[in-house]
């Protein structure tokens, strides 16, 4: 009875709960929803003093050389400390999240050039980034 109910609830937590990040003028709230999880309550980070949001590969991921490296997203504070926002993410999502939070909060969001990839291969495949396209004037065909 009770064990089965707890098992179903645990399954619902794993299968349906997603991480929600809510940003207000004063704080960031990180929670798992829609079902309440009493083992991982809402994590609140005060925005006062945050200089930048960054991501970093986890120590376990580096040590064990995971096939799919895992990353943490941190808020760096003026006093040099870091506050964990979200952990155990794949790299693409960690990059996206840190960039979006920096943009949203108006923090220094200069791109990290060390993580850029060469796009020449894409251009050879027929893909040209939208920024490199310029609109040309089309000739007018009038009837005289």
N, C-alpha and C. Protein backbone atom coordinates (compact mmCIF):
# COMPACT_ATOMS: atom_id res chain seq x y z
N UNK A 1 0.79 -1.18 0.00
CA UNK A 1 0.00 0.00 0.00
C UNK A 1 0.85 1.27 0.00
N UNK A 2 1.44 1.62 1.14
CA UNK A 2 2.19 2.86 1.28
C UNK A 2 3.46 2.82 0.44
N UNK A 3 4.13 1.67 0.42
CA UNK A 3 5.34 1.53 -0.37
C UNK A 3 5.04 1.74 -1.86
N UNK A 4 3.96 1.17 -2.34
CA UNK A 4 3.57 1.32 -3.74
C UNK A 4 3.26 2.77 -4.06
N UNK A 5 2.56 3.45 -3.16
CA UNK A 5 2.26 4.86 -3.36
C UNK A 5 3.54 5.70 -3.42
N UNK A 6 4.49 5.41 -2.52
CA UNK A 6 5.76 6.13 -2.53
C UNK A 6 6.54 5.85 -3.82
N UNK A 7 6.48 4.63 -4.30
CA UNK A 7 7.16 4.27 -5.53
C UNK A 7 6.57 5.03 -6.72
N UNK A 8 5.24 5.12 -6.79
CA UNK A 8 4.59 5.89 -7.85
C UNK A 8 4.95 7.37 -7.77
N UNK A 9 5.00 7.91 -6.56
CA UNK A 9 5.37 9.32 -6.39
C UNK A 9 6.80 9.56 -6.84
N UNK A 10 7.72 8.67 -6.46
CA UNK A 10 9.11 8.79 -6.89
C UNK A 10 9.19 8.74 -8.41
N UNK A 11 8.44 7.83 -9.03
CA UNK A 11 8.42 7.74 -10.50
C UNK A 11 7.91 9.05 -11.10
N UNK A 12 6.89 9.64 -10.53
CA UNK A 12 6.36 10.91 -11.02
C UNK A 12 7.40 12.02 -10.89
N UNK A 13 8.15 12.03 -9.78
CA UNK A 13 9.21 13.03 -9.60
C UNK A 13 10.27 12.91 -10.67
N UNK A 14 10.66 11.70 -10.99
CA UNK A 14 11.72 11.47 -11.98
C UNK A 14 11.20 11.73 -13.39
N UNK A 15 10.02 11.25 -13.70
CA UNK A 15 9.51 11.31 -15.07
C UNK A 15 8.94 12.67 -15.46
N UNK A 16 8.29 13.36 -14.54
CA UNK A 16 7.57 14.58 -14.89
C UNK A 16 8.17 15.88 -14.39
N UNK A 17 8.92 15.83 -13.30
CA UNK A 17 9.47 17.08 -12.77
C UNK A 17 10.59 17.60 -13.66
N UNK A 18 10.58 18.88 -13.88
CA UNK A 18 11.61 19.58 -14.65
C UNK A 18 12.14 20.72 -13.80
N UNK A 19 13.36 21.14 -14.11
CA UNK A 19 13.95 22.26 -13.39
C UNK A 19 13.36 23.57 -13.90
N UNK A 20 12.91 24.40 -13.00
CA UNK A 20 12.35 25.71 -13.32
C UNK A 20 13.25 26.78 -12.72
N UNK A 21 13.63 27.75 -13.54
CA UNK A 21 14.46 28.86 -13.07
C UNK A 21 13.64 30.12 -13.24
N UNK A 22 13.34 30.77 -12.13
CA UNK A 22 12.55 31.99 -12.15
C UNK A 22 13.41 33.14 -11.63
N UNK A 23 13.46 34.22 -12.42
CA UNK A 23 14.30 35.36 -12.07
C UNK A 23 13.39 36.55 -11.80
N UNK A 24 13.60 37.19 -10.65
CA UNK A 24 12.88 38.42 -10.31
C UNK A 24 13.91 39.55 -10.24
N UNK A 25 13.50 40.71 -9.80
CA UNK A 25 14.41 41.84 -9.68
C UNK A 25 15.45 41.64 -8.58
N UNK A 26 15.16 40.75 -7.63
CA UNK A 26 16.05 40.61 -6.47
C UNK A 26 16.68 39.23 -6.30
N UNK A 27 16.11 38.18 -6.96
CA UNK A 27 16.61 36.84 -6.72
C UNK A 27 16.33 35.88 -7.87
N UNK A 28 17.04 34.76 -7.82
CA UNK A 28 16.81 33.65 -8.75
C UNK A 28 16.33 32.49 -7.92
N UNK A 29 15.21 31.88 -8.33
CA UNK A 29 14.68 30.70 -7.66
C UNK A 29 14.80 29.51 -8.58
N UNK A 30 15.43 28.45 -8.11
CA UNK A 30 15.59 27.22 -8.87
C UNK A 30 14.82 26.14 -8.14
N UNK A 31 13.86 25.52 -8.84
CA UNK A 31 13.03 24.49 -8.21
C UNK A 31 12.71 23.40 -9.22
N UNK A 32 12.20 22.30 -8.70
CA UNK A 32 11.74 21.19 -9.53
C UNK A 32 10.22 21.17 -9.43
N UNK A 33 9.54 21.18 -10.58
CA UNK A 33 8.08 21.22 -10.61
C UNK A 33 7.58 20.25 -11.67
N UNK A 34 6.35 19.84 -11.65
CA UNK A 34 5.19 20.34 -10.93
C UNK A 34 4.96 19.68 -9.57
N UNK A 35 5.57 18.51 -9.30
CA UNK A 35 5.33 17.84 -8.03
C UNK A 35 6.33 18.30 -6.98
N UNK A 36 5.86 18.60 -5.77
CA UNK A 36 6.79 19.02 -4.72
C UNK A 36 7.73 17.87 -4.33
N UNK A 37 8.99 18.22 -4.19
CA UNK A 37 9.99 17.24 -3.76
C UNK A 37 10.60 17.75 -2.47
N UNK A 38 10.32 17.06 -1.40
CA UNK A 38 10.75 17.52 -0.08
C UNK A 38 12.24 17.32 0.15
N UNK A 39 12.89 16.52 -0.70
CA UNK A 39 14.33 16.30 -0.57
C UNK A 39 15.13 17.39 -1.29
N UNK A 40 14.53 18.06 -2.25
CA UNK A 40 15.21 19.16 -2.97
C UNK A 40 14.29 20.38 -3.00
N UNK A 41 14.28 21.15 -1.92
CA UNK A 41 13.42 22.34 -1.88
C UNK A 41 13.92 23.42 -2.84
N UNK A 42 13.13 24.46 -3.03
CA UNK A 42 13.50 25.58 -3.88
C UNK A 42 14.80 26.20 -3.39
N UNK A 43 15.70 26.43 -4.34
CA UNK A 43 17.01 27.02 -4.06
C UNK A 43 16.93 28.50 -4.47
N UNK A 44 17.15 29.42 -3.53
CA UNK A 44 17.04 30.85 -3.80
C UNK A 44 18.41 31.51 -3.72
N UNK A 45 18.75 32.29 -4.75
CA UNK A 45 20.01 33.00 -4.80
C UNK A 45 19.72 34.49 -4.93
N UNK A 46 20.25 35.27 -4.01
CA UNK A 46 20.08 36.72 -4.03
C UNK A 46 20.92 37.30 -5.16
N UNK A 47 20.36 38.23 -5.94
CA UNK A 47 21.08 38.81 -7.07
C UNK A 47 22.09 39.88 -6.67
N UNK A 48 22.01 40.35 -5.43
CA UNK A 48 22.92 41.40 -4.99
C UNK A 48 24.36 40.93 -5.07
N UNK A 49 25.19 41.66 -5.79
CA UNK A 49 26.61 41.37 -5.86
C UNK A 49 27.03 40.38 -6.93
N UNK A 50 26.10 39.85 -7.71
CA UNK A 50 26.48 38.91 -8.76
C UNK A 50 27.14 39.66 -9.90
N UNK A 51 28.35 39.25 -10.26
CA UNK A 51 29.09 39.89 -11.35
C UNK A 51 28.86 39.21 -12.69
N UNK A 52 28.76 37.88 -12.66
CA UNK A 52 28.64 37.14 -13.91
C UNK A 52 28.19 35.71 -13.62
N UNK A 53 27.53 35.12 -14.60
CA UNK A 53 27.12 33.72 -14.51
C UNK A 53 28.04 32.93 -15.44
N UNK A 54 28.64 31.86 -14.91
CA UNK A 54 29.57 31.04 -15.69
C UNK A 54 29.22 29.56 -15.52
N UNK A 55 29.79 28.76 -16.38
CA UNK A 55 29.62 27.31 -16.28
C UNK A 55 31.00 26.66 -16.21
N UNK A 56 31.03 25.47 -15.62
CA UNK A 56 32.29 24.76 -15.44
C UNK A 56 32.01 23.26 -15.38
N UNK A 57 32.88 22.47 -15.98
CA UNK A 57 32.72 21.03 -15.93
C UNK A 57 32.86 20.56 -14.48
N UNK A 58 32.04 19.61 -14.08
CA UNK A 58 32.07 19.12 -12.71
C UNK A 58 33.36 18.35 -12.45
N UNK A 59 33.78 18.31 -11.20
CA UNK A 59 35.01 17.61 -10.82
C UNK A 59 34.89 16.12 -11.15
N UNK A 60 33.74 15.53 -10.89
CA UNK A 60 33.55 14.10 -11.18
C UNK A 60 33.64 13.83 -12.68
N UNK A 61 33.09 14.73 -13.47
CA UNK A 61 33.13 14.57 -14.92
C UNK A 61 34.57 14.63 -15.44
N UNK A 62 35.36 15.56 -14.91
CA UNK A 62 36.77 15.66 -15.31
C UNK A 62 37.56 14.44 -14.86
N UNK A 63 37.35 14.05 -13.61
CA UNK A 63 38.11 12.95 -13.03
C UNK A 63 37.81 11.63 -13.74
N UNK A 64 36.54 11.37 -14.02
CA UNK A 64 36.12 10.10 -14.59
C UNK A 64 36.09 10.12 -16.12
N UNK A 65 36.36 11.27 -16.74
CA UNK A 65 36.33 11.42 -18.21
C UNK A 65 35.03 10.88 -18.79
N UNK A 66 33.92 11.44 -18.33
CA UNK A 66 32.61 11.01 -18.81
C UNK A 66 32.51 11.12 -20.33
N UNK A 67 31.77 10.20 -20.96
CA UNK A 67 31.52 10.28 -22.41
C UNK A 67 30.75 11.55 -22.74
N UNK A 68 29.79 11.89 -21.90
CA UNK A 68 29.04 13.13 -22.02
C UNK A 68 29.36 13.95 -20.78
N UNK A 69 30.32 14.89 -20.89
CA UNK A 69 30.71 15.68 -19.71
C UNK A 69 29.52 16.42 -19.10
N UNK A 70 29.56 16.61 -17.80
CA UNK A 70 28.51 17.29 -17.05
C UNK A 70 29.05 18.61 -16.51
N UNK A 71 28.17 19.61 -16.44
CA UNK A 71 28.58 20.97 -16.07
C UNK A 71 27.68 21.54 -14.98
N UNK A 72 28.27 22.45 -14.19
CA UNK A 72 27.54 23.25 -13.21
C UNK A 72 27.48 24.68 -13.72
N UNK A 73 26.41 25.39 -13.38
CA UNK A 73 26.28 26.81 -13.70
C UNK A 73 26.38 27.57 -12.38
N UNK A 74 27.32 28.53 -12.34
CA UNK A 74 27.63 29.27 -11.12
C UNK A 74 27.35 30.75 -11.29
N UNK A 75 26.99 31.40 -10.20
CA UNK A 75 26.93 32.86 -10.14
C UNK A 75 28.17 33.31 -9.39
N UNK A 76 29.01 34.11 -10.06
CA UNK A 76 30.20 34.66 -9.40
C UNK A 76 29.83 35.96 -8.72
N UNK A 77 30.24 36.08 -7.47
CA UNK A 77 29.87 37.23 -6.65
C UNK A 77 31.06 38.15 -6.50
N UNK A 78 30.81 39.42 -6.22
CA UNK A 78 31.84 40.46 -6.10
C UNK A 78 32.94 40.05 -5.13
N UNK A 79 32.59 39.38 -4.03
CA UNK A 79 33.59 39.01 -3.02
C UNK A 79 34.45 37.81 -3.42
N UNK A 80 34.25 37.28 -4.64
CA UNK A 80 35.06 36.17 -5.12
C UNK A 80 34.43 34.80 -4.90
N UNK A 81 33.37 34.74 -4.14
CA UNK A 81 32.68 33.46 -3.91
C UNK A 81 31.82 33.10 -5.11
N UNK A 82 31.42 31.83 -5.16
CA UNK A 82 30.53 31.36 -6.21
C UNK A 82 29.29 30.73 -5.56
N UNK A 83 28.16 30.91 -6.23
CA UNK A 83 26.92 30.30 -5.76
C UNK A 83 26.41 29.38 -6.86
N UNK A 84 26.19 28.11 -6.53
CA UNK A 84 25.70 27.15 -7.50
C UNK A 84 24.25 27.46 -7.86
N UNK A 85 23.99 27.62 -9.15
CA UNK A 85 22.62 27.84 -9.60
C UNK A 85 21.98 26.51 -9.99
N UNK A 86 22.62 25.80 -10.92
CA UNK A 86 22.11 24.52 -11.40
C UNK A 86 23.29 23.60 -11.66
N UNK A 87 23.14 22.33 -11.37
CA UNK A 87 24.23 21.39 -11.58
C UNK A 87 23.85 20.22 -12.45
N UNK A 88 24.87 19.52 -12.91
CA UNK A 88 24.73 18.29 -13.67
C UNK A 88 23.99 18.49 -14.99
N UNK A 89 24.48 19.43 -15.80
CA UNK A 89 23.90 19.73 -17.11
C UNK A 89 24.85 19.31 -18.22
N UNK A 90 24.30 19.04 -19.40
CA UNK A 90 25.16 18.82 -20.56
C UNK A 90 25.71 20.17 -20.99
N UNK A 91 26.81 20.17 -21.72
CA UNK A 91 27.51 21.41 -22.05
C UNK A 91 26.64 22.42 -22.81
N UNK A 92 25.92 21.97 -23.83
CA UNK A 92 25.12 22.90 -24.62
C UNK A 92 24.11 23.65 -23.76
N UNK A 93 23.47 22.94 -22.84
CA UNK A 93 22.48 23.59 -21.99
C UNK A 93 23.15 24.51 -20.97
N UNK A 94 24.31 24.13 -20.45
CA UNK A 94 25.03 24.98 -19.51
C UNK A 94 25.47 26.29 -20.18
N UNK A 95 25.96 26.19 -21.43
CA UNK A 95 26.36 27.38 -22.18
C UNK A 95 25.15 28.27 -22.42
N UNK A 96 24.06 27.68 -22.91
CA UNK A 96 22.83 28.43 -23.18
C UNK A 96 22.32 29.13 -21.93
N UNK A 97 22.25 28.39 -20.83
CA UNK A 97 21.72 28.95 -19.59
C UNK A 97 22.58 30.10 -19.07
N UNK A 98 23.89 29.94 -19.08
CA UNK A 98 24.77 31.01 -18.58
C UNK A 98 24.66 32.25 -19.47
N UNK A 99 24.61 32.05 -20.79
CA UNK A 99 24.48 33.20 -21.70
C UNK A 99 23.15 33.92 -21.50
N UNK A 100 22.07 33.17 -21.41
CA UNK A 100 20.74 33.79 -21.25
C UNK A 100 20.62 34.53 -19.92
N UNK A 101 21.14 33.95 -18.84
CA UNK A 101 21.08 34.63 -17.55
C UNK A 101 21.93 35.89 -17.56
N UNK A 102 23.12 35.84 -18.15
CA UNK A 102 23.95 37.04 -18.26
C UNK A 102 23.23 38.13 -19.05
N UNK A 103 22.60 37.76 -20.16
CA UNK A 103 21.87 38.73 -20.97
C UNK A 103 20.69 39.30 -20.20
N UNK A 104 19.90 38.43 -19.58
CA UNK A 104 18.71 38.86 -18.87
C UNK A 104 19.04 39.79 -17.70
N UNK A 105 20.13 39.47 -17.00
CA UNK A 105 20.51 40.27 -15.83
C UNK A 105 21.34 41.48 -16.20
N UNK A 106 21.69 41.62 -17.49
CA UNK A 106 22.48 42.76 -17.93
C UNK A 106 23.92 42.71 -17.44
N UNK A 107 24.44 41.51 -17.25
CA UNK A 107 25.81 41.35 -16.78
C UNK A 107 26.75 41.32 -17.97
N UNK A 108 28.03 41.46 -17.70
CA UNK A 108 29.04 41.40 -18.76
C UNK A 108 28.90 40.06 -19.45
N UNK A 109 28.44 40.06 -20.66
CA UNK A 109 28.19 38.80 -21.35
C UNK A 109 29.03 38.66 -22.61
N UNK A 110 30.28 39.13 -22.55
CA UNK A 110 31.17 38.96 -23.69
C UNK A 110 31.35 37.47 -23.94
N UNK A 111 31.25 37.05 -25.19
CA UNK A 111 31.35 35.62 -25.46
C UNK A 111 32.72 35.05 -25.10
N UNK A 112 32.72 33.82 -24.69
CA UNK A 112 33.95 33.11 -24.36
C UNK A 112 34.50 32.53 -25.65
N UNK A 113 35.50 33.19 -26.24
CA UNK A 113 36.03 32.80 -27.54
C UNK A 113 36.71 31.44 -27.51
N UNK A 114 37.11 30.97 -26.35
CA UNK A 114 37.79 29.68 -26.28
C UNK A 114 36.84 28.53 -26.63
N UNK A 115 35.53 28.77 -26.61
CA UNK A 115 34.57 27.72 -26.87
C UNK A 115 33.97 27.80 -28.27
N UNK A 116 34.41 28.78 -29.07
CA UNK A 116 33.87 28.93 -30.42
C UNK A 116 34.45 27.85 -31.33
N UNK A 117 33.65 27.46 -32.30
CA UNK A 117 34.09 26.47 -33.26
C UNK A 117 34.23 27.12 -34.62
N UNK A 118 35.07 26.54 -35.45
CA UNK A 118 35.28 27.03 -36.80
C UNK A 118 34.05 26.69 -37.64
N UNK A 119 33.46 27.69 -38.28
CA UNK A 119 32.26 27.48 -39.08
C UNK A 119 32.54 27.29 -40.55
N UNK A 120 33.81 27.17 -40.96
CA UNK A 120 34.12 27.00 -42.37
C UNK A 120 33.47 25.75 -42.93
N UNK A 121 33.46 24.68 -42.16
CA UNK A 121 32.84 23.43 -42.62
C UNK A 121 31.37 23.62 -42.90
N UNK A 122 30.69 24.42 -42.08
CA UNK A 122 29.28 24.69 -42.30
C UNK A 122 29.06 25.45 -43.60
N UNK A 123 29.91 26.43 -43.88
CA UNK A 123 29.76 27.23 -45.09
C UNK A 123 29.98 26.36 -46.33
N UNK A 124 30.90 25.41 -46.25
CA UNK A 124 31.13 24.51 -47.37
C UNK A 124 29.93 23.63 -47.64
N UNK A 125 29.17 23.31 -46.58
CA UNK A 125 27.98 22.48 -46.73
C UNK A 125 26.77 23.28 -47.18
N UNK A 126 26.94 24.54 -47.50
CA UNK A 126 25.83 25.36 -47.97
C UNK A 126 25.18 26.18 -46.87
N UNK A 127 25.61 26.05 -45.63
CA UNK A 127 25.05 26.83 -44.53
C UNK A 127 25.85 28.10 -44.37
N UNK A 128 25.16 29.23 -44.40
CA UNK A 128 25.81 30.52 -44.18
C UNK A 128 25.07 31.20 -43.05
N UNK A 129 25.77 31.58 -41.96
CA UNK A 129 25.10 32.23 -40.83
C UNK A 129 24.34 33.48 -41.29
N UNK A 130 23.19 33.71 -40.67
CA UNK A 130 22.33 34.82 -41.06
C UNK A 130 23.03 36.17 -40.96
N UNK A 131 23.94 36.31 -39.98
CA UNK A 131 24.62 37.59 -39.78
C UNK A 131 25.50 37.95 -40.98
N UNK A 132 25.95 36.95 -41.75
CA UNK A 132 26.85 37.24 -42.86
C UNK A 132 26.10 37.53 -44.15
N UNK A 133 24.79 37.42 -44.12
CA UNK A 133 24.00 37.71 -45.31
C UNK A 133 23.62 39.18 -45.33
N UNK A 134 23.74 39.79 -46.48
CA UNK A 134 23.28 41.17 -46.59
C UNK A 134 22.22 41.21 -47.67
N UNK A 135 21.26 42.04 -47.45
CA UNK A 135 20.16 42.12 -48.39
C UNK A 135 20.58 42.97 -49.58
N UNK A 136 20.41 42.43 -50.76
CA UNK A 136 20.77 43.18 -51.96
C UNK A 136 19.51 43.76 -52.59
N UNK A 137 19.71 44.81 -53.33
CA UNK A 137 18.57 45.43 -54.00
C UNK A 137 18.26 44.63 -55.26
N UNK A 138 17.00 44.32 -55.43
CA UNK A 138 16.64 43.60 -56.63
C UNK A 138 16.33 44.59 -57.73
N UNK A 139 16.70 44.26 -58.96
CA UNK A 139 16.44 45.19 -60.05
C UNK A 139 14.94 45.36 -60.25
N UNK A 140 14.56 46.56 -60.58
CA UNK A 140 13.14 46.80 -60.81
C UNK A 140 12.82 46.55 -62.26
N UNK A 141 11.74 45.87 -62.47
CA UNK A 141 11.28 45.59 -63.83
C UNK A 141 10.00 46.35 -64.05
N UNK A 142 10.10 47.40 -64.77
CA UNK A 142 8.91 48.23 -64.99
C UNK A 142 8.43 48.06 -66.42
N UNK A 143 7.18 48.30 -66.62
CA UNK A 143 6.67 48.26 -67.98
C UNK A 143 6.56 49.66 -68.51
N UNK A 144 7.13 49.90 -69.69
CA UNK A 144 7.15 51.25 -70.26
C UNK A 144 5.98 51.50 -71.11
